[in-house]
Amino acid sequence: MKSRNRQDAIVRTLRRTGTTTIDALVREVGASRSTILRDLSALRDEGYVIHAEQGRGGGLYLDPGSVQATARLTVAEVFALIIGVSSMRAAGTLPFSSLADAGLAKIEKALPPDKLRDLRRLLDCLYVGPLAPQVDTSTLGEMDPALLPAFETSFLERLFLGFRYRDAKGAETERQVEPQAMLILPPLWYLVAWDPAREDFRHFRMDRISRPEVVEGTAFRSRHVRFEDGVQPVRYA
């Protein structure tokens, strides 16, 4: 388990149980005692107030007031929330979409300037809108379960993505592309990528991609994606 995931698990355990012990965290998180102690130290450095009772069997207690002041989402996590809320709004038929918008606005107001700049760069790569009524979704197939984690890694870390693609006529080709943007038209979403073999941008429908694989060590530069006039990037922050 990665250090951030371990630390998140520790905070969740302390909030759920009120008090706990080092030994209990060792069992809960599946890490050594020394690792748990390092994680507790890192959490205190972030501003979490974690009290420790000394002595054999002493417990740990998290001051609940420090959680609200300290909890921070990463830029990628806020970006993921925007994707979800934007998709809800584009679908137009899901409840609570306006409340989700309001909650997201509060989160974004709290972002420091450096994270806000990073978020804006990601938003330049996100396009969400309603699906045109003439688009036929009767052929919508199952998405390869490996696509989401592969795409997320490739997109965020700017690494090439290789996969097999089946076009609308059923012809299959092997591709290795630069994932530059997302076009989300619920219930469809498209990987918008620069295809070096064709020296142009291509749209790849998610359910026609199979055997996706991140190509390690092949970082690419960001490119400006041009869409039709009616398609605009998402703007929040």
C-alpha atoms as a PDB file:
ATOM      1  CA  MET A   1       0.000   0.000   0.000  1.00  0.00           C
ATOM      2  CA  LYS A   2       1.358   3.449  -0.932  1.00  0.00           C
ATOM      3  CA  SER A   3       2.170   5.898   1.870  1.00  0.00           C
ATOM      4  CA  ARG A   4      -0.688   8.279   0.937  1.00  0.00           C
ATOM      5  CA  ASN A   5      -3.180   5.408   0.916  1.00  0.00           C
ATOM      6  CA  ARG A   6      -1.879   4.154   4.273  1.00  0.00           C
ATOM      7  CA  GLN A   7      -2.168   7.590   5.818  1.00  0.00           C
ATOM      8  CA  ASP A   8      -5.685   8.044   4.476  1.00  0.00           C
ATOM      9  CA  ALA A   9      -6.588   4.652   5.964  1.00  0.00           C
ATOM     10  CA  ILE A  10      -5.168   5.716   9.342  1.00  0.00           C
ATOM     11  CA  VAL A  11      -7.235   8.912   9.360  1.00  0.00           C
ATOM     12  CA  ARG A  12     -10.382   6.987   8.406  1.00  0.00           C
ATOM     13  CA  THR A  13      -9.788   4.466  11.192  1.00  0.00           C
ATOM     14  CA  LEU A  14      -9.240   7.190  13.779  1.00  0.00           C
ATOM     15  CA  ARG A  15     -12.396   8.996  12.694  1.00  0.00           C
ATOM     16  CA  ARG A  16     -14.507   5.814  12.737  1.00  0.00           C
ATOM     17  CA  THR A  17     -13.316   4.409  16.037  1.00  0.00           C
ATOM     18  CA  GLY A  18     -12.545   7.565  18.003  1.00  0.00           C
ATOM     19  CA  THR A  19      -9.507   5.928  19.585  1.00  0.00           C
ATOM     20  CA  THR A  20      -7.204   3.123  18.518  1.00  0.00           C
ATOM     21  CA  THR A  21      -3.733   1.733  19.176  1.00  0.00           C
ATOM     22  CA  ILE A  22      -0.553   1.324  17.167  1.00  0.00           C
ATOM     23  CA  ASP A  23      -1.006  -2.462  17.219  1.00  0.00           C
ATOM     24  CA  ALA A  24      -4.563  -2.120  15.919  1.00  0.00           C
ATOM     25  CA  LEU A  25      -3.359   0.112  13.078  1.00  0.00           C
ATOM     26  CA  VAL A  26      -0.664  -2.417  12.218  1.00  0.00           C
ATOM     27  CA  ARG A  27      -3.378  -5.038  11.753  1.00  0.00           C
ATOM     28  CA  GLU A  28      -5.801  -2.678  10.031  1.00  0.00           C
ATOM     29  CA  VAL A  29      -3.363  -1.172   7.530  1.00  0.00           C
ATOM     30  CA  GLY A  30      -1.095  -4.181   7.086  1.00  0.00           C
ATOM     31  CA  ALA A  31       2.169  -2.336   7.727  1.00  0.00           C
ATOM     32  CA  SER A  32       4.946  -2.606  10.283  1.00  0.00           C
ATOM     33  CA  ARG A  33       4.964  -0.712  13.573  1.00  0.00           C
ATOM     34  CA  SER A  34       7.833   1.527  12.411  1.00  0.00           C
ATOM     35  CA  THR A  35       5.956   2.355   9.182  1.00  0.00           C
ATOM     36  CA  ILE A  36       2.832   3.298  11.125  1.00  0.00           C
ATOM     37  CA  LEU A  37       4.897   5.562  13.384  1.00  0.00           C
ATOM     38  CA  ARG A  38       6.411   7.288  10.331  1.00  0.00           C
ATOM     39  CA  ASP A  39       2.942   7.742   8.838  1.00  0.00           C
ATOM     40  CA  LEU A  40       1.646   9.269  12.092  1.00  0.00           C
ATOM     41  CA  SER A  41       4.583  11.669  12.094  1.00  0.00           C
ATOM     42  CA  ALA A  42       3.861  12.648   8.473  1.00  0.00           C
ATOM     43  CA  LEU A  43       0.189  13.253   9.301  1.00  0.00           C
ATOM     44  CA  ARG A  44       1.145  15.489  12.229  1.00  0.00           C
ATOM     45  CA  ASP A  45       3.472  17.439   9.919  1.00  0.00           C
ATOM     46  CA  GLU A  46       0.452  18.037   7.634  1.00  0.00           C
ATOM     47  CA  GLY A  47      -1.451  19.543  10.556  1.00  0.00           C
ATOM     48  CA  TYR A  48      -3.485  16.625  11.901  1.00  0.00           C
ATOM     49  CA  VAL A  49      -3.621  16.781  15.699  1.00  0.00           C
ATOM     50  CA  ILE A  50      -3.175  13.181  16.894  1.00  0.00           C
ATOM     51  CA  HIS A  51      -2.904  12.728  20.648  1.00  0.00           C
ATOM     52  CA  ALA A  52      -1.121   9.704  22.091  1.00  0.00           C
ATOM     53  CA  GLU A  53      -1.609   8.329  25.614  1.00  0.00           C
ATOM     54  CA  GLN A  54       1.662   7.064  27.008  1.00  0.00           C
ATOM     55  CA  GLY A  55       2.172   3.668  28.571  1.00  0.00           C
ATOM     56  CA  ARG A  56       1.344   0.074  27.737  1.00  0.00           C
ATOM     57  CA  GLY A  57      -1.972  -0.144  25.908  1.00  0.00           C
ATOM     58  CA  GLY A  58      -2.058   3.631  25.373  1.00  0.00           C
ATOM     59  CA  GLY A  59      -4.353   4.818  22.631  1.00  0.00           C
ATOM     60  CA  LEU A  60      -4.347   7.332  19.786  1.00  0.00           C
ATOM     61  CA  TYR A  61      -6.950  10.054  19.428  1.00  0.00           C
ATOM     62  CA  LEU A  62      -7.555  12.355  16.443  1.00  0.00           C
ATOM     63  CA  ASP A  63      -8.750  15.876  17.212  1.00  0.00           C
ATOM     64  CA  PRO A  64     -11.773  16.193  14.863  1.00  0.00           C
ATOM     65  CA  GLY A  65     -11.242  19.942  14.545  1.00  0.00           C
ATOM     66  CA  SER A  66      -7.954  19.368  12.721  1.00  0.00           C
ATOM     67  CA  VAL A  67      -9.543  17.236  10.010  1.00  0.00           C
ATOM     68  CA  GLN A  68     -11.637  19.949   8.420  1.00  0.00           C
ATOM     69  CA  ALA A  69      -8.736  22.386   8.485  1.00  0.00           C
ATOM     70  CA  THR A  70      -6.227  19.924   7.051  1.00  0.00           C
ATOM     71  CA  ALA A  71      -8.042  17.729   4.543  1.00  0.00           C
ATOM     72  CA  ARG A  72      -6.998  18.681   1.009  1.00  0.00           C
ATOM     73  CA  LEU A  73      -7.831  17.124  -2.311  1.00  0.00           C
ATOM     74  CA  THR A  74      -5.179  16.676  -4.963  1.00  0.00           C
ATOM     75  CA  VAL A  75      -5.579  18.404  -8.322  1.00  0.00           C
ATOM     76  CA  ALA A  76      -6.269  15.030  -9.962  1.00  0.00           C
ATOM     77  CA  GLU A  77      -8.997  14.291  -7.389  1.00  0.00           C
ATOM     78  CA  VAL A  78     -10.710  17.649  -8.007  1.00  0.00           C
ATOM     79  CA  PHE A  79     -10.422  17.028 -11.755  1.00  0.00           C
ATOM     80  CA  ALA A  80     -12.096  13.642 -11.285  1.00  0.00           C
ATOM     81  CA  LEU A  81     -14.948  15.284  -9.373  1.00  0.00           C
ATOM     82  CA  ILE A  82     -15.404  17.836 -12.163  1.00  0.00           C
ATOM     83  CA  ILE A  83     -15.628  15.022 -14.722  1.00  0.00           C
ATOM     84  CA  GLY A  84     -18.352  13.356 -12.666  1.00  0.00           C
ATOM     85  CA  VAL A  85     -20.356  16.533 -12.059  1.00  0.00           C
ATOM     86  CA  SER A  86     -20.018  17.697 -15.677  1.00  0.00           C
ATOM     87  CA  SER A  87     -21.209  14.311 -16.915  1.00  0.00           C
ATOM     88  CA  MET A  88     -24.208  14.471 -14.575  1.00  0.00           C
ATOM     89  CA  ARG A  89     -25.137  17.882 -15.923  1.00  0.00           C
ATOM     90  CA  ALA A  90     -24.651  16.801 -19.552  1.00  0.00           C
ATOM     91  CA  ALA A  91     -26.915  13.794 -19.001  1.00  0.00           C
ATOM     92  CA  GLY A  92     -29.590  16.225 -17.839  1.00  0.00           C
ATOM     93  CA  THR A  93     -31.715  13.593 -16.103  1.00  0.00           C
ATOM     94  CA  LEU A  94     -29.800  12.830 -12.905  1.00  0.00           C
ATOM     95  CA  PRO A  95     -30.927  14.207  -9.509  1.00  0.00           C
ATOM     96  CA  PHE A  96     -28.776  16.439  -7.294  1.00  0.00           C
ATOM     97  CA  SER A  97     -26.591  17.705 -10.158  1.00  0.00           C
ATOM     98  CA  SER A  98     -27.125  21.346  -9.087  1.00  0.00           C
ATOM     99  CA  LEU A  99     -26.128  20.532  -5.494  1.00  0.00           C
ATOM    100  CA  ALA A 100     -23.048  18.723  -6.778  1.00  0.00           C
ATOM    101  CA  ASP A 101     -22.138  21.861  -8.735  1.00  0.00           C
ATOM    102  CA  ALA A 102     -22.481  24.002  -5.619  1.00  0.00           C
ATOM    103  CA  GLY A 103     -20.366  21.643  -3.523  1.00  0.00           C
ATOM    104  CA  LEU A 104     -17.657  21.507  -6.160  1.00  0.00           C
ATOM    105  CA  ALA A 105     -17.561  25.311  -6.338  1.00  0.00           C
ATOM    106  CA  LYS A 106     -16.806  25.433  -2.594  1.00  0.00           C
ATOM    107  CA  ILE A 107     -13.948  22.973  -3.014  1.00  0.00           C
ATOM    108  CA  GLU A 108     -12.426  24.977  -5.847  1.00  0.00           C
ATOM    109  CA  LYS A 109     -12.601  28.244  -3.905  1.00  0.00           C
ATOM    110  CA  ALA A 110     -10.266  26.700  -1.336  1.00  0.00           C
ATOM    111  CA  LEU A 111      -7.599  25.670  -3.864  1.00  0.00           C
ATOM    112  CA  PRO A 112      -4.270  27.504  -3.515  1.00  0.00           C
ATOM    113  CA  PRO A 113      -3.051  29.398  -6.636  1.00  0.00           C
ATOM    114  CA  ASP A 114      -0.524  26.745  -7.724  1.00  0.00           C
ATOM    115  CA  LYS A 115      -3.124  23.965  -7.647  1.00  0.00           C
ATOM    116  CA  LEU A 116      -5.614  26.198  -9.423  1.00  0.00           C
ATOM    117  CA  ARG A 117      -3.159  26.677 -12.290  1.00  0.00           C
ATOM    118  CA  ASP A 118      -2.607  22.921 -12.542  1.00  0.00           C
ATOM    119  CA  LEU A 119      -6.363  22.328 -12.512  1.00  0.00           C
ATOM    120  CA  ARG A 120      -6.926  24.818 -15.322  1.00  0.00           C
ATOM    121  CA  ARG A 121      -4.364  23.007 -17.456  1.00  0.00           C
ATOM    122  CA  LEU A 122      -6.300  19.772 -16.998  1.00  0.00           C
ATOM    123  CA  LEU A 123      -9.629  21.473 -17.689  1.00  0.00           C
ATOM    124  CA  ASP A 124      -8.271  22.644 -21.036  1.00  0.00           C
ATOM    125  CA  CYS A 125      -8.219  18.939 -21.964  1.00  0.00           C
ATOM    126  CA  LEU A 126     -11.781  18.139 -20.870  1.00  0.00           C
ATOM    127  CA  TYR A 127     -14.776  18.570 -23.168  1.00  0.00           C
ATOM    128  CA  VAL A 128     -18.238  17.531 -21.968  1.00  0.00           C
ATOM    129  CA  GLY A 129     -21.606  17.947 -23.644  1.00  0.00           C
ATOM    130  CA  PRO A 130     -24.885  16.267 -24.517  1.00  0.00           C
ATOM    131  CA  LEU A 131     -24.885  13.498 -27.097  1.00  0.00           C
ATOM    132  CA  ALA A 132     -26.398  14.556 -30.424  1.00  0.00           C
ATOM    133  CA  PRO A 133     -29.779  12.855 -30.998  1.00  0.00           C
ATOM    134  CA  GLN A 134     -28.665  11.445 -34.349  1.00  0.00           C
ATOM    135  CA  VAL A 135     -25.842   9.416 -32.782  1.00  0.00           C
ATOM    136  CA  ASP A 136     -26.708   5.713 -32.762  1.00  0.00           C
ATOM    137  CA  THR A 137     -25.939   4.113 -29.391  1.00  0.00           C
ATOM    138  CA  SER A 138     -27.567   0.780 -30.207  1.00  0.00           C
ATOM    139  CA  THR A 139     -24.113  -0.659 -30.954  1.00  0.00           C
ATOM    140  CA  LEU A 140     -22.644   0.491 -27.636  1.00  0.00           C
ATOM    141  CA  GLY A 141     -20.505  -2.346 -26.315  1.00  0.00           C
ATOM    142  CA  GLU A 142     -18.725  -3.252 -23.095  1.00  0.00           C
ATOM    143  CA  MET A 143     -15.594  -1.293 -22.265  1.00  0.00           C
ATOM    144  CA  ASP A 144     -12.365  -3.182 -21.644  1.00  0.00           C
ATOM    145  CA  PRO A 145     -11.954  -3.012 -17.814  1.00  0.00           C
ATOM    146  CA  ALA A 146      -8.231  -2.332 -18.252  1.00  0.00           C
ATOM    147  CA  LEU A 147      -8.897   0.894 -20.166  1.00  0.00           C
ATOM    148  CA  LEU A 148      -9.733   3.241 -17.294  1.00  0.00           C
ATOM    149  CA  PRO A 149      -6.591   2.664 -15.182  1.00  0.00           C
ATOM    150  CA  ALA A 150      -4.373   2.616 -18.280  1.00  0.00           C
ATOM    151  CA  PHE A 151      -5.883   5.811 -19.662  1.00  0.00           C
ATOM    152  CA  GLU A 152      -5.742   7.632 -16.312  1.00  0.00           C
ATOM    153  CA  THR A 153      -2.037   6.850 -15.931  1.00  0.00           C
ATOM    154  CA  SER A 154      -1.239   7.711 -19.526  1.00  0.00           C
ATOM    155  CA  PHE A 155      -3.199  10.966 -19.486  1.00  0.00           C
ATOM    156  CA  LEU A 156      -1.944  12.287 -16.135  1.00  0.00           C
ATOM    157  CA  GLU A 157       1.690  11.248 -16.613  1.00  0.00           C
ATOM    158  CA  ARG A 158       1.846  12.132 -20.336  1.00  0.00           C
ATOM    159  CA  LEU A 159       2.838   8.651 -21.467  1.00  0.00           C
ATOM    160  CA  PHE A 160       2.001   6.988 -24.778  1.00  0.00           C
ATOM    161  CA  LEU A 161      -0.918   4.550 -24.794  1.00  0.00           C
ATOM    162  CA  GLY A 162      -0.946   1.483 -26.996  1.00  0.00           C
ATOM    163  CA  PHE A 163      -4.092  -0.477 -27.840  1.00  0.00           C
ATOM    164  CA  ARG A 164      -6.067  -2.299 -30.500  1.00  0.00           C
ATOM    165  CA  TYR A 165      -8.879  -0.285 -32.062  1.00  0.00           C
ATOM    166  CA  ARG A 166     -11.974  -1.461 -33.930  1.00  0.00           C
ATOM    167  CA  ASP A 167     -13.609   1.198 -36.097  1.00  0.00           C
ATOM    168  CA  ALA A 168     -17.311   1.559 -36.964  1.00  0.00           C
ATOM    169  CA  LYS A 169     -16.907  -0.861 -39.885  1.00  0.00           C
ATOM    170  CA  GLY A 170     -15.271  -3.539 -37.730  1.00  0.00           C
ATOM    171  CA  ALA A 171     -11.717  -3.107 -39.066  1.00  0.00           C
ATOM    172  CA  GLU A 172      -9.044  -3.494 -36.370  1.00  0.00           C
ATOM    173  CA  THR A 173      -5.703  -1.678 -36.157  1.00  0.00           C
ATOM    174  CA  GLU A 174      -2.875  -1.416 -33.642  1.00  0.00           C
ATOM    175  CA  ARG A 175      -2.362   2.120 -32.320  1.00  0.00           C
ATOM    176  CA  GLN A 176       0.180   3.924 -30.168  1.00  0.00           C
ATOM    177  CA  VAL A 177      -0.984   7.465 -29.410  1.00  0.00           C
ATOM    178  CA  GLU A 178      -0.618  10.536 -27.187  1.00  0.00           C
ATOM    179  CA  PRO A 179      -3.789  10.949 -25.055  1.00  0.00           C
ATOM    180  CA  GLN A 180      -4.326  14.714 -25.207  1.00  0.00           C
ATOM    181  CA  ALA A 181      -7.955  15.196 -24.156  1.00  0.00           C
ATOM    182  CA  MET A 182     -11.297  13.627 -23.277  1.00  0.00           C
ATOM    183  CA  LEU A 183     -14.591  14.177 -25.061  1.00  0.00           C
ATOM    184  CA  ILE A 184     -17.477  13.018 -22.844  1.00  0.00           C
ATOM    185  CA  LEU A 185     -20.916  12.732 -24.433  1.00  0.00           C
ATOM    186  CA  PRO A 186     -22.888  10.557 -21.990  1.00  0.00           C
ATOM    187  CA  PRO A 187     -23.208   7.608 -22.275  1.00  0.00           C
ATOM    188  CA  LEU A 188     -20.169   7.708 -24.593  1.00  0.00           C
ATOM    189  CA  TRP A 189     -16.697   9.046 -24.018  1.00  0.00           C
ATOM    190  CA  TYR A 190     -13.862   9.407 -26.485  1.00  0.00           C
ATOM    191  CA  LEU A 191     -10.109   9.385 -26.086  1.00  0.00           C
ATOM    192  CA  VAL A 192      -8.839  12.348 -28.120  1.00  0.00           C
ATOM    193  CA  ALA A 193      -5.249  11.664 -29.085  1.00  0.00           C
ATOM    194  CA  TRP A 194      -2.469  12.709 -31.394  1.00  0.00           C
ATOM    195  CA  ASP A 195      -1.611   9.761 -33.632  1.00  0.00           C
ATOM    196  CA  PRO A 196       2.042  10.095 -34.727  1.00  0.00           C
ATOM    197  CA  ALA A 197       1.618   7.463 -37.452  1.00  0.00           C
ATOM    198  CA  ARG A 198      -1.069   9.617 -39.094  1.00  0.00           C
ATOM    199  CA  GLU A 199       0.307  12.992 -37.988  1.00  0.00           C
ATOM    200  CA  ASP A 200      -3.121  14.152 -36.875  1.00  0.00           C
ATOM    201  CA  PHE A 201      -5.653  14.013 -34.041  1.00  0.00           C
ATOM    202  CA  ARG A 202      -8.001  11.038 -33.810  1.00  0.00           C
ATOM    203  CA  HIS A 203     -11.082  10.255 -31.699  1.00  0.00           C
ATOM    204  CA  PHE A 204     -11.276   6.751 -30.241  1.00  0.00           C
ATOM    205  CA  ARG A 205     -14.579   5.551 -28.779  1.00  0.00           C
ATOM    206  CA  MET A 206     -14.022   3.891 -25.422  1.00  0.00           C
ATOM    207  CA  ASP A 207     -15.971   0.721 -26.151  1.00  0.00           C
ATOM    208  CA  ARG A 208     -13.951   0.053 -29.330  1.00  0.00           C
ATOM    209  CA  ILE A 209     -10.589   0.029 -27.531  1.00  0.00           C
ATOM    210  CA  SER A 210      -9.108  -3.275 -26.386  1.00  0.00           C
ATOM    211  CA  ARG A 211      -5.858  -4.458 -24.815  1.00  0.00           C
ATOM    212  CA  PRO A 212      -4.752  -0.984 -23.632  1.00  0.00           C
ATOM    213  CA  GLU A 213      -1.219  -0.684 -22.294  1.00  0.00           C
ATOM    214  CA  VAL A 214       0.788   2.276 -21.019  1.00  0.00           C
ATOM    215  CA  VAL A 215       4.095   2.622 -22.854  1.00  0.00           C
ATOM    216  CA  GLU A 216       6.567   3.445 -20.096  1.00  0.00           C
ATOM    217  CA  GLY A 217       9.350   5.935 -20.679  1.00  0.00           C
ATOM    218  CA  THR A 218       7.720   7.644 -23.673  1.00  0.00           C
ATOM    219  CA  ALA A 219       6.587  11.029 -22.359  1.00  0.00           C
ATOM    220  CA  PHE A 220       4.998  13.411 -24.844  1.00  0.00           C
ATOM    221  CA  ARG A 221       4.298  17.157 -24.905  1.00  0.00           C
ATOM    222  CA  SER A 222       0.890  18.749 -24.570  1.00  0.00           C
ATOM    223  CA  ARG A 223      -0.817  19.780 -27.829  1.00  0.00           C
ATOM    224  CA  HIS A 224      -3.679  22.184 -28.338  1.00  0.00           C
ATOM    225  CA  VAL A 225      -6.816  20.294 -29.385  1.00  0.00           C
ATOM    226  CA  ARG A 226      -9.211  22.006 -31.768  1.00  0.00           C
ATOM    227  CA  PHE A 227     -12.857  21.026 -31.796  1.00  0.00           C
ATOM    228  CA  GLU A 228     -15.844  22.301 -33.711  1.00  0.00           C
ATOM    229  CA  ASP A 229     -17.258  25.653 -32.605  1.00  0.00           C
ATOM    230  CA  GLY A 230     -20.054  24.032 -30.596  1.00  0.00           C
ATOM    231  CA  VAL A 231     -17.677  22.011 -28.412  1.00  0.00           C
ATOM    232  CA  GLN A 232     -15.983  23.974 -25.635  1.00  0.00           C
ATOM    233  CA  PRO A 233     -13.678  22.910 -22.800  1.00  0.00           C
ATOM    234  CA  VAL A 234     -15.168  22.683 -19.317  1.00  0.00           C
ATOM    235  CA  ARG A 235     -14.745  25.845 -17.243  1.00  0.00           C
ATOM    236  CA  TYR A 236     -15.106  25.847 -13.477  1.00  0.00           C
ATOM    237  CA  ALA A 237     -12.212  27.486 -11.715  1.00  0.00           C
END
